[in-house]
Amino acid sequence: MARGKPPLRAFITGTQKEQLKARQRVAAVLSGLGIEPVLAEDAPSAAESPETWCLMQAAECDLAVGVYGNRYGVIPPGMQVSVSELEFNRAREIHRRLEAVERETGFAKPE
């Protein structure tokens, strides 16, 4: 029996806690379209840091979908920008196009 082409994989980027329900809805829609959603919150335990895993997924997936709201996201120690911004930048570098859903206007950077 011939094996079919593997499904497309979509990395869902953006703030996790603030946009959890929206991210889950996007994942459900993608699944319904036969696209495998990849979310940071579903990441397996791994030797690499969560940031490294997310950046790898943003680069390896076939497409990226950003879900953003008012929060900027967490800035890991030693970094200058949030993980969400790192993911966004990596997806733009690789895919050149990022589908983004902005839930509310404006971003609040942590003080």
Protein backbone atom coordinates (compact mmCIF):
# COMPACT_ATOMS: atom_id res chain seq x y z
CA MET A 1 0.00 0.00 0.00
CA ALA A 2 1.36 3.42 -0.94
CA ARG A 3 1.97 5.83 1.87
CA GLY A 4 0.38 9.25 1.56
CA LYS A 5 2.14 12.53 1.95
CA PRO A 6 2.51 13.49 5.65
CA PRO A 7 0.13 16.21 6.79
CA LEU A 8 1.22 19.82 6.85
CA ARG A 9 2.34 21.01 10.26
CA ALA A 10 1.46 24.48 11.57
CA PHE A 11 3.28 26.11 14.47
CA ILE A 12 0.91 28.25 16.54
CA THR A 13 2.87 31.12 18.06
CA GLY A 14 1.87 33.88 20.47
CA THR A 15 1.29 34.32 24.17
CA GLN A 16 0.18 31.04 25.74
CA LYS A 17 -1.71 31.93 28.92
CA GLU A 18 -3.54 35.02 27.67
CA GLN A 19 -4.66 33.41 24.41
CA LEU A 20 -5.09 29.79 25.50
CA LYS A 21 -8.70 29.41 24.32
CA ALA A 22 -8.04 31.20 21.03
CA ARG A 23 -4.95 29.04 20.42
CA GLN A 24 -7.02 25.91 21.08
CA ARG A 25 -9.70 27.10 18.64
CA VAL A 26 -7.08 27.76 15.96
CA ALA A 27 -5.62 24.28 16.59
CA ALA A 28 -9.08 22.72 16.21
CA VAL A 29 -9.70 24.54 12.91
CA LEU A 30 -6.30 23.47 11.58
CA SER A 31 -6.94 19.86 12.62
CA GLY A 32 -10.28 19.97 10.83
CA LEU A 33 -8.44 21.05 7.69
CA GLY A 34 -6.06 18.10 7.99
CA ILE A 35 -3.17 20.26 9.24
CA GLU A 36 -1.30 19.10 12.33
CA PRO A 37 -1.19 21.94 14.90
CA VAL A 38 2.01 22.32 16.93
CA LEU A 39 1.66 24.27 20.17
CA ALA A 40 4.38 25.04 22.70
CA GLU A 41 2.07 23.98 25.53
CA ASP A 42 1.95 20.46 24.06
CA ALA A 43 5.75 20.14 23.83
CA PRO A 44 7.24 16.90 25.12
CA SER A 45 9.83 17.00 27.87
CA ALA A 46 13.13 17.48 26.09
CA ALA A 47 16.80 18.07 26.73
CA GLU A 48 16.70 21.48 25.05
CA SER A 49 15.14 24.56 26.61
CA PRO A 50 11.51 25.42 25.83
CA GLU A 51 12.76 28.45 23.88
CA THR A 52 15.04 26.26 21.74
CA TRP A 53 12.21 23.76 21.08
CA CYS A 54 9.81 26.54 20.07
CA LEU A 55 12.32 28.13 17.71
CA MET A 56 13.05 24.73 16.16
CA GLN A 57 9.31 24.11 15.62
CA ALA A 58 8.83 27.60 14.15
CA ALA A 59 11.54 26.74 11.62
CA GLU A 60 10.56 23.12 10.91
CA CYS A 61 6.79 23.45 10.55
CA ASP A 62 5.30 24.11 7.11
CA LEU A 63 3.55 27.28 8.22
CA ALA A 64 3.06 29.47 11.26
CA VAL A 65 -0.05 31.08 12.72
CA GLY A 66 0.32 33.80 15.34
CA VAL A 67 -2.36 34.49 17.97
CA TYR A 68 -1.69 37.73 19.82
CA GLY A 69 -3.45 39.96 22.33
CA ASN A 70 -2.47 42.64 24.83
CA ARG A 71 0.43 40.87 26.52
CA TYR A 72 3.96 40.94 25.19
CA GLY A 73 5.01 37.62 26.67
CA VAL A 74 7.81 36.36 28.89
CA ILE A 75 11.36 37.58 28.39
CA PRO A 76 13.69 34.75 29.45
CA PRO A 77 16.73 35.63 31.57
CA GLY A 78 19.58 36.87 29.41
CA MET A 79 17.34 37.68 26.44
CA GLN A 80 16.19 41.05 25.12
CA VAL A 81 12.81 40.05 23.66
CA SER A 82 9.95 37.72 24.55
CA VAL A 83 9.70 34.11 23.42
CA SER A 84 6.65 35.13 21.34
CA GLU A 85 8.73 37.73 19.51
CA LEU A 86 11.56 35.21 18.97
CA GLU A 87 9.06 32.72 17.50
CA PHE A 88 7.50 35.41 15.31
CA ASN A 89 10.91 36.49 13.99
CA ARG A 90 12.00 32.90 13.29
CA ALA A 91 8.75 32.11 11.48
CA ARG A 92 9.15 35.26 9.35
CA GLU A 93 12.76 34.34 8.51
CA ILE A 94 11.81 30.84 7.39
CA HIS A 95 8.30 31.21 5.97
CA ARG A 96 8.45 34.83 4.85
CA ARG A 97 4.72 34.99 5.59
CA LEU A 98 3.06 34.61 8.95
CA GLU A 99 -0.69 34.51 9.38
CA ALA A 100 -1.45 36.51 12.53
CA VAL A 101 -4.62 36.88 14.55
CA GLU A 102 -4.60 39.90 16.85
CA ARG A 103 -7.28 39.46 19.49
CA GLU A 104 -7.07 42.99 20.90
CA THR A 105 -5.05 46.05 19.95
CA GLY A 106 -1.89 47.11 21.70
CA PHE A 107 0.82 45.17 23.50
CA ALA A 108 1.78 45.66 27.12
CA LYS A 109 5.49 45.03 27.65
CA PRO A 110 6.31 43.88 31.19
CA GLU A 111 7.77 46.60 33.38
